[in-house]
Amino acid sequence: MAYKVCHIEWLVTDLNQAQKFYGTLFDWEFKAFGEEMIVFGTGSEHIGGFMKADEVVPGNSPSVWLECASIDEVMAKVEPAGGQISVPKAPLPGVGFSAAIKDPEGNPIGLVEFAR
């Protein structure tokens, strides 16, 4: 049996802010899962959730890398949506391009654009 990642979960202090940020960048769909969690995905594909926390300590989140059709398009939305660019777009030899951002809570997110 192959094991694959089936759920990503970020701790956030503001569920609405997280939904707005990630929705703006990645066009994900959201659904409340009780009062303390919002789950997200694309169509019928579940990706993960945001769990409400009293405090988020930057650097205590998993390292998550997301595939993008265009890093440039995503990067243009990061700061207006409240996030930060931590590593600008750079060539990734033999792969394509990569970059790194942080959401408004400081959670790190890696971006990869594969060469086509």
PDB file of N, CA and C in Angstrom:
ATOM      1  N   MET A   1       0.843  -1.184   0.000  1.00  0.00           N
ATOM      2  CA  MET A   1       0.000   0.000   0.000  1.00  0.00           C
ATOM      3  C   MET A   1       0.886   1.243   0.000  1.00  0.00           C
ATOM      4  N   ALA A   2       0.582   2.172  -0.868  1.00  0.00           N
ATOM      5  CA  ALA A   2       1.299   3.449  -0.896  1.00  0.00           C
ATOM      6  C   ALA A   2       0.647   4.395   0.107  1.00  0.00           C
ATOM      7  N   TYR A   3       1.463   5.103   0.833  1.00  0.00           N
ATOM      8  CA  TYR A   3       0.950   6.068   1.798  1.00  0.00           C
ATOM      9  C   TYR A   3       1.060   7.453   1.192  1.00  0.00           C
ATOM     10  N   LYS A   4      -0.025   8.190   1.219  1.00  0.00           N
ATOM     11  CA  LYS A   4       0.000   9.549   0.691  1.00  0.00           C
ATOM     12  C   LYS A   4      -0.585  10.497   1.723  1.00  0.00           C
ATOM     13  N   VAL A   5      -0.197  11.743   1.610  1.00  0.00           N
ATOM     14  CA  VAL A   5      -0.731  12.750   2.524  1.00  0.00           C
ATOM     15  C   VAL A   5      -2.219  12.906   2.228  1.00  0.00           C
ATOM     16  N   CYS A   6      -3.050  12.823   3.257  1.00  0.00           N
ATOM     17  CA  CYS A   6      -4.497  12.908   3.053  1.00  0.00           C
ATOM     18  C   CYS A   6      -5.121  14.119   3.734  1.00  0.00           C
ATOM     19  N   HIS A   7      -4.329  14.856   4.541  1.00  0.00           N
ATOM     20  CA  HIS A   7      -4.887  16.012   5.245  1.00  0.00           C
ATOM     21  C   HIS A   7      -3.745  16.895   5.734  1.00  0.00           C
ATOM     22  N   ILE A   8      -3.832  18.179   5.439  1.00  0.00           N
ATOM     23  CA  ILE A   8      -2.900  19.186   5.950  1.00  0.00           C
ATOM     24  C   ILE A   8      -3.693  20.036   6.925  1.00  0.00           C
ATOM     25  N   GLU A   9      -3.095  20.373   8.053  1.00  0.00           N
ATOM     26  CA  GLU A   9      -3.825  21.198   9.016  1.00  0.00           C
ATOM     27  C   GLU A   9      -2.933  22.311   9.544  1.00  0.00           C
ATOM     28  N   TRP A  10      -3.433  23.543   9.435  1.00  0.00           N
ATOM     29  CA  TRP A  10      -2.736  24.706   9.967  1.00  0.00           C
ATOM     30  C   TRP A  10      -3.508  25.245  11.159  1.00  0.00           C
ATOM     31  N   LEU A  11      -2.785  25.623  12.209  1.00  0.00           N
ATOM     32  CA  LEU A  11      -3.391  26.327  13.334  1.00  0.00           C
ATOM     33  C   LEU A  11      -3.473  27.804  12.979  1.00  0.00           C
ATOM     34  N   VAL A  12      -4.614  28.424  13.273  1.00  0.00           N
ATOM     35  CA  VAL A  12      -4.820  29.848  12.997  1.00  0.00           C
ATOM     36  C   VAL A  12      -5.599  30.465  14.153  1.00  0.00           C
ATOM     37  N   THR A  13      -5.403  31.755  14.374  1.00  0.00           N
ATOM     38  CA  THR A  13      -6.183  32.442  15.400  1.00  0.00           C
ATOM     39  C   THR A  13      -7.450  33.045  14.821  1.00  0.00           C
ATOM     40  N   ASP A  14      -7.489  33.208  13.497  1.00  0.00           N
ATOM     41  CA  ASP A  14      -8.626  33.846  12.835  1.00  0.00           C
ATOM     42  C   ASP A  14      -9.049  33.005  11.633  1.00  0.00           C
ATOM     43  N   LEU A  15     -10.113  32.237  11.795  1.00  0.00           N
ATOM     44  CA  LEU A  15     -10.587  31.359  10.721  1.00  0.00           C
ATOM     45  C   LEU A  15     -10.996  32.143   9.479  1.00  0.00           C
ATOM     46  N   ASN A  16     -11.652  33.284   9.665  1.00  0.00           N
ATOM     47  CA  ASN A  16     -12.086  34.084   8.513  1.00  0.00           C
ATOM     48  C   ASN A  16     -10.898  34.616   7.724  1.00  0.00           C
ATOM     49  N   GLN A  17      -9.873  35.080   8.427  1.00  0.00           N
ATOM     50  CA  GLN A  17      -8.670  35.584   7.761  1.00  0.00           C
ATOM     51  C   GLN A  17      -7.987  34.481   6.964  1.00  0.00           C
ATOM     52  N   ALA A  18      -7.890  33.284   7.535  1.00  0.00           N
ATOM     53  CA  ALA A  18      -7.274  32.151   6.844  1.00  0.00           C
ATOM     54  C   ALA A  18      -8.057  31.799   5.589  1.00  0.00           C
ATOM     55  N   GLN A  19      -9.371  31.755   5.718  1.00  0.00           N
ATOM     56  CA  GLN A  19     -10.221  31.431   4.572  1.00  0.00           C
ATOM     57  C   GLN A  19     -10.034  32.465   3.462  1.00  0.00           C
ATOM     58  N   LYS A  20      -9.992  33.734   3.814  1.00  0.00           N
ATOM     59  CA  LYS A  20      -9.820  34.790   2.821  1.00  0.00           C
ATOM     60  C   LYS A  20      -8.446  34.698   2.152  1.00  0.00           C
ATOM     61  N   PHE A  21      -7.385  34.526   2.940  1.00  0.00           N
ATOM     62  CA  PHE A  21      -6.027  34.465   2.402  1.00  0.00           C
ATOM     63  C   PHE A  21      -5.864  33.292   1.440  1.00  0.00           C
ATOM     64  N   TYR A  22      -6.171  32.085   1.897  1.00  0.00           N
ATOM     65  CA  TYR A  22      -5.963  30.901   1.069  1.00  0.00           C
ATOM     66  C   TYR A  22      -6.940  30.853  -0.107  1.00  0.00           C
ATOM     67  N   GLY A  23      -8.143  31.348   0.089  1.00  0.00           N
ATOM     68  CA  GLY A  23      -9.101  31.418  -1.014  1.00  0.00           C
ATOM     69  C   GLY A  23      -8.628  32.356  -2.103  1.00  0.00           C
ATOM     70  N   THR A  24      -8.054  33.497  -1.713  1.00  0.00           N
ATOM     71  CA  THR A  24      -7.529  34.463  -2.676  1.00  0.00           C
ATOM     72  C   THR A  24      -6.371  33.871  -3.465  1.00  0.00           C
ATOM     73  N   LEU A  25      -5.475  33.180  -2.796  1.00  0.00           N
ATOM     74  CA  LEU A  25      -4.294  32.652  -3.465  1.00  0.00           C
ATOM     75  C   LEU A  25      -4.565  31.393  -4.281  1.00  0.00           C
ATOM     76  N   PHE A  26      -5.359  30.476  -3.750  1.00  0.00           N
ATOM     77  CA  PHE A  26      -5.457  29.153  -4.352  1.00  0.00           C
ATOM     78  C   PHE A  26      -6.849  28.749  -4.836  1.00  0.00           C
ATOM     79  N   ASP A  27      -7.842  29.616  -4.697  1.00  0.00           N
ATOM     80  CA  ASP A  27      -9.211  29.308  -5.149  1.00  0.00           C
ATOM     81  C   ASP A  27      -9.778  28.043  -4.516  1.00  0.00           C
ATOM     82  N   TRP A  28      -9.415  27.764  -3.266  1.00  0.00           N
ATOM     83  CA  TRP A  28      -9.952  26.599  -2.588  1.00  0.00           C
ATOM     84  C   TRP A  28     -11.389  26.854  -2.155  1.00  0.00           C
ATOM     85  N   GLU A  29     -12.131  25.773  -1.969  1.00  0.00           N
ATOM     86  CA  GLU A  29     -13.499  25.843  -1.454  1.00  0.00           C
ATOM     87  C   GLU A  29     -13.450  25.488   0.032  1.00  0.00           C
ATOM     88  N   PHE A  30     -14.334  26.102   0.823  1.00  0.00           N
ATOM     89  CA  PHE A  30     -14.294  25.949   2.277  1.00  0.00           C
ATOM     90  C   PHE A  30     -15.637  25.491   2.828  1.00  0.00           C
ATOM     91  N   LYS A  31     -15.557  24.755   3.947  1.00  0.00           N
ATOM     92  CA  LYS A  31     -16.770  24.293   4.619  1.00  0.00           C
ATOM     93  C   LYS A  31     -16.492  24.256   6.124  1.00  0.00           C
ATOM     94  N   ALA A  32     -17.397  24.839   6.892  1.00  0.00           N
ATOM     95  CA  ALA A  32     -17.252  24.798   8.350  1.00  0.00           C
ATOM     96  C   ALA A  32     -17.364  23.354   8.828  1.00  0.00           C
ATOM     97  N   PHE A  33     -16.527  23.001   9.786  1.00  0.00           N
ATOM     98  CA  PHE A  33     -16.536  21.676  10.397  1.00  0.00           C
ATOM     99  C   PHE A  33     -16.591  21.920  11.894  1.00  0.00           C
ATOM    100  N   GLY A  34     -17.795  22.196  12.379  1.00  0.00           N
ATOM    101  CA  GLY A  34     -17.962  22.640  13.755  1.00  0.00           C
ATOM    102  C   GLY A  34     -17.627  24.122  13.857  1.00  0.00           C
ATOM    103  N   GLU A  35     -17.447  24.605  15.069  1.00  0.00           N
ATOM    104  CA  GLU A  35     -17.167  26.028  15.277  1.00  0.00           C
ATOM    105  C   GLU A  35     -15.680  26.346  15.337  1.00  0.00           C
ATOM    106  N   GLU A  36     -14.843  25.344  15.446  1.00  0.00           N
ATOM    107  CA  GLU A  36     -13.410  25.559  15.643  1.00  0.00           C
ATOM    108  C   GLU A  36     -12.567  25.156  14.439  1.00  0.00           C
ATOM    109  N   MET A  37     -13.213  24.748  13.326  1.00  0.00           N
ATOM    110  CA  MET A  37     -12.445  24.258  12.191  1.00  0.00           C
ATOM    111  C   MET A  37     -13.154  24.557  10.882  1.00  0.00           C
ATOM    112  N   ILE A  38     -12.357  24.845   9.870  1.00  0.00           N
ATOM    113  CA  ILE A  38     -12.843  24.973   8.495  1.00  0.00           C
ATOM    114  C   ILE A  38     -12.012  24.008   7.663  1.00  0.00           C
ATOM    115  N   VAL A  39     -12.667  23.175   6.869  1.00  0.00           N
ATOM    116  CA  VAL A  39     -11.951  22.277   5.970  1.00  0.00           C
ATOM    117  C   VAL A  39     -11.959  22.883   4.575  1.00  0.00           C
ATOM    118  N   PHE A  40     -10.972  22.497   3.774  1.00  0.00           N
ATOM    119  CA  PHE A  40     -10.860  23.067   2.432  1.00  0.00           C
ATOM    120  C   PHE A  40     -10.447  22.013   1.427  1.00  0.00           C
ATOM    121  N   GLY A  41     -10.725  22.325   0.158  1.00  0.00           N
ATOM    122  CA  GLY A  41     -10.370  21.431  -0.922  1.00  0.00           C
ATOM    123  C   GLY A  41     -10.719  22.047  -2.257  1.00  0.00           C
ATOM    124  N   THR A  42     -10.661  21.204  -3.279  1.00  0.00           N
ATOM    125  CA  THR A  42     -11.023  21.625  -4.630  1.00  0.00           C
ATOM    126  C   THR A  42     -12.054  20.639  -5.156  1.00  0.00           C
ATOM    127  N   GLY A  43     -13.255  21.097  -5.400  1.00  0.00           N
ATOM    128  CA  GLY A  43     -14.305  20.196  -5.863  1.00  0.00           C
ATOM    129  C   GLY A  43     -14.515  19.079  -4.865  1.00  0.00           C
ATOM    130  N   SER A  44     -14.351  17.836  -5.320  1.00  0.00           N
ATOM    131  CA  SER A  44     -14.560  16.694  -4.429  1.00  0.00           C
ATOM    132  C   SER A  44     -13.274  16.264  -3.717  1.00  0.00           C
ATOM    133  N   GLU A  45     -12.147  16.930  -3.991  1.00  0.00           N
ATOM    134  CA  GLU A  45     -10.871  16.553  -3.379  1.00  0.00           C
ATOM    135  C   GLU A  45     -10.633  17.306  -2.070  1.00  0.00           C
ATOM    136  N   HIS A  46     -10.547  16.566  -0.979  1.00  0.00           N
ATOM    137  CA  HIS A  46     -10.251  17.137   0.338  1.00  0.00           C
ATOM    138  C   HIS A  46      -8.749  17.381   0.433  1.00  0.00           C
ATOM    139  N   ILE A  47      -8.352  18.562   0.935  1.00  0.00           N
ATOM    140  CA  ILE A  47      -6.935  18.867   1.108  1.00  0.00           C
ATOM    141  C   ILE A  47      -6.573  18.959   2.584  1.00  0.00           C
ATOM    142  N   GLY A  48      -7.362  19.703   3.373  1.00  0.00           N
ATOM    143  CA  GLY A  48      -7.008  19.865   4.776  1.00  0.00           C
ATOM    144  C   GLY A  48      -7.949  20.763   5.527  1.00  0.00           C
ATOM    145  N   GLY A  49      -7.426  21.393   6.591  1.00  0.00           N
ATOM    146  CA  GLY A  49      -8.273  22.249   7.404  1.00  0.00           C
ATOM    147  C   GLY A  49      -7.487  23.282   8.188  1.00  0.00           C
ATOM    148  N   PHE A  50      -8.216  24.252   8.695  1.00  0.00           N
ATOM    149  CA  PHE A  50      -7.682  25.267   9.598  1.00  0.00           C
ATOM    150  C   PHE A  50      -8.335  25.038  10.954  1.00  0.00           C
ATOM    151  N   MET A  51      -7.523  24.876  11.981  1.00  0.00           N
ATOM    152  CA  MET A  51      -8.021  24.652  13.333  1.00  0.00           C
ATOM    153  C   MET A  51      -7.796  25.917  14.146  1.00  0.00           C
ATOM    154  N   LYS A  52      -8.849  26.395  14.804  1.00  0.00           N
ATOM    155  CA  LYS A  52      -8.764  27.607  15.622  1.00  0.00           C
ATOM    156  C   LYS A  52      -7.886  27.349  16.838  1.00  0.00           C
ATOM    157  N   ALA A  53      -6.965  28.297  17.088  1.00  0.00           N
ATOM    158  CA  ALA A  53      -6.071  28.216  18.246  1.00  0.00           C
ATOM    159  C   ALA A  53      -6.018  29.578  18.923  1.00  0.00           C
ATOM    160  N   ASP A  54      -5.730  29.591  20.208  1.00  0.00           N
ATOM    161  CA  ASP A  54      -5.587  30.855  20.928  1.00  0.00           C
ATOM    162  C   ASP A  54      -4.321  31.591  20.514  1.00  0.00           C
ATOM    163  N   GLU A  55      -3.294  30.831  20.135  1.00  0.00           N
ATOM    164  CA  GLU A  55      -2.011  31.419  19.752  1.00  0.00           C
ATOM    165  C   GLU A  55      -1.359  30.540  18.694  1.00  0.00           C
ATOM    166  N   VAL A  56      -0.673  31.162  17.745  1.00  0.00           N
ATOM    167  CA  VAL A  56       0.093  30.433  16.744  1.00  0.00           C
ATOM    168  C   VAL A  56       1.545  30.861  16.889  1.00  0.00           C
ATOM    169  N   VAL A  57       2.426  29.893  17.055  1.00  0.00           N
ATOM    170  CA  VAL A  57       3.850  30.178  17.185  1.00  0.00           C
ATOM    171  C   VAL A  57       4.496  29.942  15.825  1.00  0.00           C
ATOM    172  N   PRO A  58       4.946  31.018  15.152  1.00  0.00           N
ATOM    173  CA  PRO A  58       5.591  30.846  13.850  1.00  0.00           C
ATOM    174  C   PRO A  58       6.756  29.864  13.943  1.00  0.00           C
ATOM    175  N   GLY A  59       6.847  29.004  12.958  1.00  0.00           N
ATOM    176  CA  GLY A  59       7.906  28.006  12.936  1.00  0.00           C
ATOM    177  C   GLY A  59       7.488  26.664  13.503  1.00  0.00           C
ATOM    178  N   ASN A  60       6.315  26.578  14.118  1.00  0.00           N
ATOM    179  CA  ASN A  60       5.830  25.313  14.666  1.00  0.00           C
ATOM    180  C   ASN A  60       4.883  24.600  13.712  1.00  0.00           C
ATOM    181  N   SER A  61       4.867  25.019  12.455  1.00  0.00           N
ATOM    182  CA  SER A  61       3.974  24.425  11.462  1.00  0.00           C
ATOM    183  C   SER A  61       4.757  23.463  10.578  1.00  0.00           C
ATOM    184  N   PRO A  62       4.071  22.516   9.968  1.00  0.00           N
ATOM    185  CA  PRO A  62       4.764  21.621   9.041  1.00  0.00           C
ATOM    186  C   PRO A  62       5.213  22.392   7.804  1.00  0.00           C
ATOM    187  N   SER A  63       6.223  21.871   7.136  1.00  0.00           N
ATOM    188  CA  SER A  63       6.663  22.450   5.873  1.00  0.00           C
ATOM    189  C   SER A  63       5.798  21.852   4.770  1.00  0.00           C
ATOM    190  N   VAL A  64       4.983  22.681   4.157  1.00  0.00           N
ATOM    191  CA  VAL A  64       4.051  22.229   3.123  1.00  0.00           C
ATOM    192  C   VAL A  64       4.421  22.914   1.812  1.00  0.00           C
ATOM    193  N   TRP A  65       4.501  22.141   0.747  1.00  0.00           N
ATOM    194  CA  TRP A  65       4.820  22.671  -0.581  1.00  0.00           C
ATOM    195  C   TRP A  65       3.634  22.431  -1.493  1.00  0.00           C
ATOM    196  N   LEU A  66       3.222  23.485  -2.183  1.00  0.00           N
ATOM    197  CA  LEU A  66       2.072  23.412  -3.076  1.00  0.00           C
ATOM    198  C   LEU A  66       2.509  23.623  -4.515  1.00  0.00           C
ATOM    199  N   GLU A  67       1.996  22.796  -5.410  1.00  0.00           N
ATOM    200  CA  GLU A  67       2.273  22.957  -6.832  1.00  0.00           C
ATOM    201  C   GLU A  67       1.417  24.085  -7.390  1.00  0.00           C
ATOM    202  N   CYS A  68       2.037  24.957  -8.181  1.00  0.00           N
ATOM    203  CA  CYS A  68       1.340  26.088  -8.797  1.00  0.00           C
ATOM    204  C   CYS A  68       1.532  26.040 -10.303  1.00  0.00           C
ATOM    205  N   ALA A  69       0.514  26.415 -11.048  1.00  0.00           N
ATOM    206  CA  ALA A  69       0.673  26.566 -12.489  1.00  0.00           C
ATOM    207  C   ALA A  69       1.569  27.766 -12.776  1.00  0.00           C
ATOM    208  N   SER A  70       1.454  28.824 -11.956  1.00  0.00           N
ATOM    209  CA  SER A  70       2.258  30.036 -12.124  1.00  0.00           C
ATOM    210  C   SER A  70       2.599  30.631 -10.756  1.00  0.00           C
ATOM    211  N   ILE A  71       3.853  30.516 -10.353  1.00  0.00           N
ATOM    212  CA  ILE A  71       4.287  31.127  -9.096  1.00  0.00           C
ATOM    213  C   ILE A  71       4.092  32.631  -9.158  1.00  0.00           C
ATOM    214  N   ASP A  72       4.347  33.229 -10.319  1.00  0.00           N
ATOM    215  CA  ASP A  72       4.200  34.685 -10.453  1.00  0.00           C
ATOM    216  C   ASP A  72       2.784  35.137 -10.104  1.00  0.00           C
ATOM    217  N   GLU A  73       1.775  34.402 -10.573  1.00  0.00           N
ATOM    218  CA  GLU A  73       0.382  34.766 -10.279  1.00  0.00           C
ATOM    219  C   GLU A  73       0.087  34.671  -8.781  1.00  0.00           C
ATOM    220  N   VAL A  74       0.568  33.623  -8.142  1.00  0.00           N
ATOM    221  CA  VAL A  74       0.340  33.456  -6.700  1.00  0.00           C
ATOM    222  C   VAL A  74       1.085  34.533  -5.916  1.00  0.00           C
ATOM    223  N   MET A  75       2.343  34.772  -6.257  1.00  0.00           N
ATOM    224  CA  MET A  75       3.161  35.755  -5.532  1.00  0.00           C
ATOM    225  C   MET A  75       2.564  37.159  -5.608  1.00  0.00           C
ATOM    226  N   ALA A  76       1.932  37.492  -6.723  1.00  0.00           N
ATOM    227  CA  ALA A  76       1.320  38.818  -6.871  1.00  0.00           C
ATOM    228  C   ALA A  76       0.170  39.023  -5.887  1.00  0.00           C
ATOM    229  N   LYS A  77      -0.418  37.941  -5.388  1.00  0.00           N
ATOM    230  CA  LYS A  77      -1.568  38.025  -4.485  1.00  0.00           C
ATOM    231  C   LYS A  77      -1.187  37.958  -3.001  1.00  0.00           C
ATOM    232  N   VAL A  78       0.028  37.532  -2.693  1.00  0.00           N
ATOM    233  CA  VAL A  78       0.423  37.241  -1.312  1.00  0.00           C
ATOM    234  C   VAL A  78       0.328  38.460  -0.397  1.00  0.00           C
ATOM    235  N   GLU A  79       1.054  39.522  -0.703  1.00  0.00           N
ATOM    236  CA  GLU A  79       1.080  40.683   0.192  1.00  0.00           C
ATOM    237  C   GLU A  79      -0.257  41.417   0.249  1.00  0.00           C
ATOM    238  N   PRO A  80      -0.964  41.616  -0.895  1.00  0.00           N
ATOM    239  CA  PRO A  80      -2.284  42.249  -0.794  1.00  0.00           C
ATOM    240  C   PRO A  80      -3.273  41.446   0.065  1.00  0.00           C
ATOM    241  N   ALA A  81      -3.068  40.114   0.143  1.00  0.00           N
ATOM    242  CA  ALA A  81      -3.956  39.264   0.939  1.00  0.00           C
ATOM    243  C   ALA A  81      -3.510  39.165   2.398  1.00  0.00           C
ATOM    244  N   GLY A  82      -2.404  39.824   2.763  1.00  0.00           N
ATOM    245  CA  GLY A  82      -1.965  39.834   4.158  1.00  0.00           C
ATOM    246  C   GLY A  82      -0.802  38.926   4.486  1.00  0.00           C
ATOM    247  N   GLY A  83      -0.240  38.254   3.485  1.00  0.00           N
ATOM    248  CA  GLY A  83       0.886  37.352   3.723  1.00  0.00           C
ATOM    249  C   GLY A  83       2.221  38.021   3.472  1.00  0.00           C
ATOM    250  N   GLN A  84       3.279  37.229   3.550  1.00  0.00           N
ATOM    251  CA  GLN A  84       4.636  37.723   3.327  1.00  0.00           C
ATOM    252  C   GLN A  84       5.366  36.820   2.346  1.00  0.00           C
ATOM    253  N   ILE A  85       6.235  37.417   1.550  1.00  0.00           N
ATOM    254  CA  ILE A  85       7.121  36.639   0.690  1.00  0.00           C
ATOM    255  C   ILE A  85       8.406  36.424   1.481  1.00  0.00           C
ATOM    256  N   SER A  86       8.751  35.174   1.753  1.00  0.00           N
ATOM    257  CA  SER A  86       9.958  34.903   2.530  1.00  0.00           C
ATOM    258  C   SER A  86      11.145  34.526   1.649  1.00  0.00           C
ATOM    259  N   VAL A  87      10.899  33.886   0.508  1.00  0.00           N
ATOM    260  CA  VAL A  87      11.951  33.571  -0.462  1.00  0.00           C
ATOM    261  C   VAL A  87      11.381  33.844  -1.846  1.00  0.00           C
ATOM    262  N   PRO A  88      11.969  34.792  -2.592  1.00  0.00           N
ATOM    263  CA  PRO A  88      11.456  35.104  -3.927  1.00  0.00           C
ATOM    264  C   PRO A  88      11.591  33.916  -4.881  1.00  0.00           C
ATOM    265  N   LYS A  89      10.878  33.986  -5.979  1.00  0.00           N
ATOM    266  CA  LYS A  89      10.933  32.951  -7.013  1.00  0.00           C
ATOM    267  C   LYS A  89      12.371  32.779  -7.487  1.00  0.00           C
ATOM    268  N   ALA A  90      12.793  31.529  -7.583  1.00  0.00           N
ATOM    269  CA  ALA A  90      14.148  31.214  -8.029  1.00  0.00           C
ATOM    270  C   ALA A  90      14.120  29.921  -8.838  1.00  0.00           C
ATOM    271  N   PRO A  91      15.059  29.766  -9.772  1.00  0.00           N
ATOM    272  CA  PRO A  91      15.135  28.514 -10.524  1.00  0.00           C
ATOM    273  C   PRO A  91      15.440  27.341  -9.598  1.00  0.00           C
ATOM    274  N   LEU A  92      14.829  26.231  -9.893  1.00  0.00           N
ATOM    275  CA  LEU A  92      15.084  24.981  -9.182  1.00  0.00           C
ATOM    276  C   LEU A  92      15.603  24.014 -10.247  1.00  0.00           C
ATOM    277  N   PRO A  93      16.919  23.890 -10.393  1.00  0.00           N
ATOM    278  CA  PRO A  93      17.507  23.139 -11.500  1.00  0.00           C
ATOM    279  C   PRO A  93      16.914  21.741 -11.669  1.00  0.00           C
ATOM    280  N   GLY A  94      16.539  21.459 -12.900  1.00  0.00           N
ATOM    281  CA  GLY A  94      15.972  20.165 -13.237  1.00  0.00           C
ATOM    282  C   GLY A  94      14.525  19.991 -12.836  1.00  0.00           C
ATOM    283  N   VAL A  95      13.938  21.007 -12.203  1.00  0.00           N
ATOM    284  CA  VAL A  95      12.557  20.903 -11.724  1.00  0.00           C
ATOM    285  C   VAL A  95      11.687  22.009 -12.296  1.00  0.00           C
ATOM    286  N   GLY A  96      12.097  23.252 -12.135  1.00  0.00           N
ATOM    287  CA  GLY A  96      11.301  24.405 -12.564  1.00  0.00           C
ATOM    288  C   GLY A  96      11.669  25.607 -11.717  1.00  0.00           C
ATOM    289  N   PHE A  97      10.719  26.071 -10.899  1.00  0.00           N
ATOM    290  CA  PHE A  97      10.942  27.223 -10.024  1.00  0.00           C
ATOM    291  C   PHE A  97      10.351  26.944  -8.648  1.00  0.00           C
ATOM    292  N   SER A  98      10.882  27.643  -7.645  1.00  0.00           N
ATOM    293  CA  SER A  98      10.316  27.548  -6.302  1.00  0.00           C
ATOM    294  C   SER A  98      10.309  28.927  -5.659  1.00  0.00           C
ATOM    295  N   ALA A  99       9.525  29.068  -4.617  1.00  0.00           N
ATOM    296  CA  ALA A  99       9.442  30.282  -3.810  1.00  0.00           C
ATOM    297  C   ALA A  99       8.863  29.870  -2.463  1.00  0.00           C
ATOM    298  N   ALA A 100       8.929  30.774  -1.500  1.00  0.00           N
ATOM    299  CA  ALA A 100       8.338  30.482  -0.192  1.00  0.00           C
ATOM    300  C   ALA A 100       7.621  31.721   0.323  1.00  0.00           C
ATOM    301  N   ILE A 101       6.477  31.485   0.960  1.00  0.00           N
ATOM    302  CA  ILE A 101       5.660  32.568   1.509  1.00  0.00           C
ATOM    303  C   ILE A 101       5.242  32.208   2.930  1.00  0.00           C
ATOM    304  N   LYS A 102       4.655  33.178   3.615  1.00  0.00           N
ATOM    305  CA  LYS A 102       4.053  32.931   4.928  1.00  0.00           C
ATOM    306  C   LYS A 102       2.636  33.478   4.901  1.00  0.00           C
ATOM    307  N   ASP A 103       1.717  32.749   5.529  1.00  0.00           N
ATOM    308  CA  ASP A 103       0.348  33.249   5.634  1.00  0.00           C
ATOM    309  C   ASP A 103       0.300  34.328   6.722  1.00  0.00           C
ATOM    310  N   PRO A 104      -0.844  34.984   6.928  1.00  0.00           N
ATOM    311  CA  PRO A 104      -0.919  36.051   7.934  1.00  0.00           C
ATOM    312  C   PRO A 104      -0.561  35.612   9.357  1.00  0.00           C
ATOM    313  N   GLU A 105      -0.631  34.312   9.645  1.00  0.00           N
ATOM    314  CA  GLU A 105      -0.285  33.791  10.974  1.00  0.00           C
ATOM    315  C   GLU A 105       1.199  33.454  11.087  1.00  0.00           C
ATOM    316  N   GLY A 106       1.927  33.513   9.966  1.00  0.00           N
ATOM    317  CA  GLY A 106       3.345  33.153   9.953  1.00  0.00           C
ATOM    318  C   GLY A 106       3.612  31.719   9.548  1.00  0.00           C
ATOM    319  N   ASN A 107       2.566  30.966   9.171  1.00  0.00           N
ATOM    320  CA  ASN A 107       2.752  29.587   8.723  1.00  0.00           C
ATOM    321  C   ASN A 107       3.477  29.582   7.379  1.00  0.00           C
ATOM    322  N   PRO A 108       4.565  28.795   7.243  1.00  0.00           N
ATOM    323  CA  PRO A 108       5.308  28.763   5.984  1.00  0.00           C
ATOM    324  C   PRO A 108       4.625  27.898   4.931  1.00  0.00           C
ATOM    325  N   ILE A 109       4.738  28.333   3.679  1.00  0.00           N
ATOM    326  CA  ILE A 109       4.194  27.588   2.547  1.00  0.00           C
ATOM    327  C   ILE A 109       5.206  27.670   1.421  1.00  0.00           C
ATOM    328  N   GLY A 110       5.630  26.524   0.919  1.00  0.00           N
ATOM    329  CA  GLY A 110       6.514  26.485  -0.235  1.00  0.00           C
ATOM    330  C   GLY A 110       5.688  26.386  -1.503  1.00  0.00           C
ATOM    331  N   LEU A 111       6.186  26.990  -2.564  1.00  0.00           N
ATOM    332  CA  LEU A 111       5.519  26.948  -3.860  1.00  0.00           C
ATOM    333  C   LEU A 111       6.470  26.340  -4.884  1.00  0.00           C
ATOM    334  N   VAL A 112       5.963  25.458  -5.723  1.00  0.00           N
ATOM    335  CA  VAL A 112       6.756  24.848  -6.787  1.00  0.00           C
ATOM    336  C   VAL A 112       5.992  24.994  -8.092  1.00  0.00           C
ATOM    337  N   GLU A 113       6.701  25.447  -9.121  1.00  0.00           N
ATOM    338  CA  GLU A 113       6.163  25.499 -10.483  1.00  0.00           C
ATOM    339  C   GLU A 113       7.032  24.561 -11.307  1.00  0.00           C
ATOM    340  N   PHE A 114       6.480  23.424 -11.704  1.00  0.00           N
ATOM    341  CA  PHE A 114       7.249  22.446 -12.459  1.00  0.00           C
ATOM    342  C   PHE A 114       7.436  22.910 -13.897  1.00  0.00           C
ATOM    343  N   ALA A 115       8.625  22.625 -14.455  1.00  0.00           N
ATOM    344  CA  ALA A 115       8.899  22.960 -15.853  1.00  0.00           C
ATOM    345  C   ALA A 115       7.947  22.173 -16.738  1.00  0.00           C
ATOM    346  N   ARG A 116       7.497  22.809 -17.759  1.00  0.00           N
ATOM    347  CA  ARG A 116       6.549  22.151 -18.669  1.00  0.00           C
ATOM    348  C   ARG A 116       7.193  21.905 -20.003  1.00  0.00           C
TER     349      ARG A 116
END
